[in-house]
Amino acid sequence: MAFFPGAWLMAVYLKGMTDEETSYLTRAMLHSGRIFRWPESLQPLIGRALGFTGGTIDKLEAIPGFRALMSMEDVRDN
């Protein structure tokens, strides 16, 4: 039985999924457990200036158009 997830992943990798299949899978995953509700304030999950190579946020901010700081409304709307 332990090989079934691997077989399913290989099949999806090779054949892909239709939009309808993706929608069904997404809904099944959504309703398979608890739904996470974001609090009004979230702590940063990535760091800045970590050592001589910089932190994750430093690298992401090098991408043109990337916005590191967003309000909760912006996060929810985008």
C-alpha atoms as a PDB file:
ATOM      1  CA  MET A   1       0.000   0.000   0.000  1.00  0.00           C
ATOM      2  CA  ALA A   2       2.882   2.388   0.668  1.00  0.00           C
ATOM      3  CA  PHE A   3       3.727   2.524  -3.043  1.00  0.00           C
ATOM      4  CA  PHE A   4       0.341   3.972  -4.089  1.00  0.00           C
ATOM      5  CA  PRO A   5       1.202   7.634  -3.362  1.00  0.00           C
ATOM      6  CA  GLY A   6       4.405   7.280  -5.372  1.00  0.00           C
ATOM      7  CA  ALA A   7       2.542   5.658  -8.262  1.00  0.00           C
ATOM      8  CA  TRP A   8      -0.066   8.423  -8.201  1.00  0.00           C
ATOM      9  CA  LEU A   9       2.604  11.134  -8.187  1.00  0.00           C
ATOM     10  CA  MET A  10       4.389   9.488 -11.126  1.00  0.00           C
ATOM     11  CA  ALA A  11       1.129   9.270 -13.084  1.00  0.00           C
ATOM     12  CA  VAL A  12       0.375  12.944 -12.445  1.00  0.00           C
ATOM     13  CA  TYR A  13       3.927  13.885 -13.392  1.00  0.00           C
ATOM     14  CA  LEU A  14       3.739  11.940 -16.668  1.00  0.00           C
ATOM     15  CA  LYS A  15       0.138  12.657 -17.698  1.00  0.00           C
ATOM     16  CA  GLY A  16      -0.723  15.839 -15.821  1.00  0.00           C
ATOM     17  CA  MET A  17      -4.144  16.697 -14.456  1.00  0.00           C
ATOM     18  CA  THR A  18      -7.110  18.397 -16.082  1.00  0.00           C
ATOM     19  CA  ASP A  19      -8.493  21.602 -14.602  1.00  0.00           C
ATOM     20  CA  GLU A  20     -11.475  19.617 -13.299  1.00  0.00           C
ATOM     21  CA  GLU A  21      -9.224  17.022 -11.624  1.00  0.00           C
ATOM     22  CA  THR A  22      -7.121  19.787 -10.084  1.00  0.00           C
ATOM     23  CA  SER A  23     -10.282  21.459  -8.786  1.00  0.00           C
ATOM     24  CA  TYR A  24     -11.563  18.213  -7.210  1.00  0.00           C
ATOM     25  CA  LEU A  25      -8.170  17.524  -5.622  1.00  0.00           C
ATOM     26  CA  THR A  26      -7.939  21.065  -4.255  1.00  0.00           C
ATOM     27  CA  ARG A  27     -11.434  20.849  -2.715  1.00  0.00           C
ATOM     28  CA  ALA A  28     -10.673  17.423  -1.232  1.00  0.00           C
ATOM     29  CA  MET A  29      -7.466  18.733   0.319  1.00  0.00           C
ATOM     30  CA  LEU A  30      -9.261  21.833   1.626  1.00  0.00           C
ATOM     31  CA  HIS A  31     -11.875  19.741   3.411  1.00  0.00           C
ATOM     32  CA  SER A  32      -9.503  17.007   4.645  1.00  0.00           C
ATOM     33  CA  GLY A  33      -8.559  18.785   7.856  1.00  0.00           C
ATOM     34  CA  ARG A  34      -8.739  22.050   9.697  1.00  0.00           C
ATOM     35  CA  ILE A  35      -8.862  25.300   7.721  1.00  0.00           C
ATOM     36  CA  PHE A  36      -6.138  27.740   8.718  1.00  0.00           C
ATOM     37  CA  ARG A  37      -7.344  31.274   9.440  1.00  0.00           C
ATOM     38  CA  TRP A  38      -4.644  33.926   9.228  1.00  0.00           C
ATOM     39  CA  PRO A  39      -4.318  36.137  12.268  1.00  0.00           C
ATOM     40  CA  GLU A  40      -4.274  39.876  11.763  1.00  0.00           C
ATOM     41  CA  SER A  41      -0.518  39.975  12.263  1.00  0.00           C
ATOM     42  CA  LEU A  42       1.982  37.405  11.064  1.00  0.00           C
ATOM     43  CA  GLN A  43       5.580  37.113  12.190  1.00  0.00           C
ATOM     44  CA  PRO A  44       8.262  37.237   9.477  1.00  0.00           C
ATOM     45  CA  LEU A  45       9.068  33.790   8.137  1.00  0.00           C
ATOM     46  CA  ILE A  46      12.269  34.758   6.326  1.00  0.00           C
ATOM     47  CA  GLY A  47      15.388  36.638   7.358  1.00  0.00           C
ATOM     48  CA  ARG A  48      17.433  39.579   6.146  1.00  0.00           C
ATOM     49  CA  ALA A  49      21.245  39.922   6.065  1.00  0.00           C
ATOM     50  CA  LEU A  50      22.050  36.412   7.273  1.00  0.00           C
ATOM     51  CA  GLY A  51      25.807  36.125   6.852  1.00  0.00           C
ATOM     52  CA  PHE A  52      27.876  37.273   3.909  1.00  0.00           C
ATOM     53  CA  THR A  53      25.437  35.914   1.292  1.00  0.00           C
ATOM     54  CA  GLY A  54      22.456  37.810   2.665  1.00  0.00           C
ATOM     55  CA  GLY A  55      19.160  36.387   3.764  1.00  0.00           C
ATOM     56  CA  THR A  56      16.283  34.968   1.781  1.00  0.00           C
ATOM     57  CA  ILE A  57      14.484  38.301   1.712  1.00  0.00           C
ATOM     58  CA  ASP A  58      17.582  40.030   0.308  1.00  0.00           C
ATOM     59  CA  LYS A  59      17.657  37.582  -2.589  1.00  0.00           C
ATOM     60  CA  LEU A  60      13.920  37.850  -3.236  1.00  0.00           C
ATOM     61  CA  GLU A  61      14.049  41.658  -3.268  1.00  0.00           C
ATOM     62  CA  ALA A  62      16.564  41.419  -6.137  1.00  0.00           C
ATOM     63  CA  ILE A  63      13.688  40.184  -8.343  1.00  0.00           C
ATOM     64  CA  PRO A  64      12.192  43.137 -10.272  1.00  0.00           C
ATOM     65  CA  GLY A  65       8.651  43.848  -9.069  1.00  0.00           C
ATOM     66  CA  PHE A  66       8.879  41.631  -5.980  1.00  0.00           C
ATOM     67  CA  ARG A  67       7.143  43.190  -2.965  1.00  0.00           C
ATOM     68  CA  ALA A  68       8.429  41.962   0.382  1.00  0.00           C
ATOM     69  CA  LEU A  69       6.285  44.147   2.614  1.00  0.00           C
ATOM     70  CA  MET A  70       2.555  43.906   2.031  1.00  0.00           C
ATOM     71  CA  SER A  71      -0.433  44.761   4.185  1.00  0.00           C
ATOM     72  CA  MET A  72      -2.788  41.933   5.177  1.00  0.00           C
ATOM     73  CA  GLU A  73      -5.348  43.350   2.744  1.00  0.00           C
ATOM     74  CA  ASP A  74      -2.804  43.164  -0.099  1.00  0.00           C
ATOM     75  CA  VAL A  75      -1.909  39.572   0.824  1.00  0.00           C
ATOM     76  CA  ARG A  76      -5.548  38.497   0.920  1.00  0.00           C
ATOM     77  CA  ASP A  77      -6.410  40.304  -2.322  1.00  0.00           C
ATOM     78  CA  ASN A  78      -3.433  39.013  -4.313  1.00  0.00           C
END
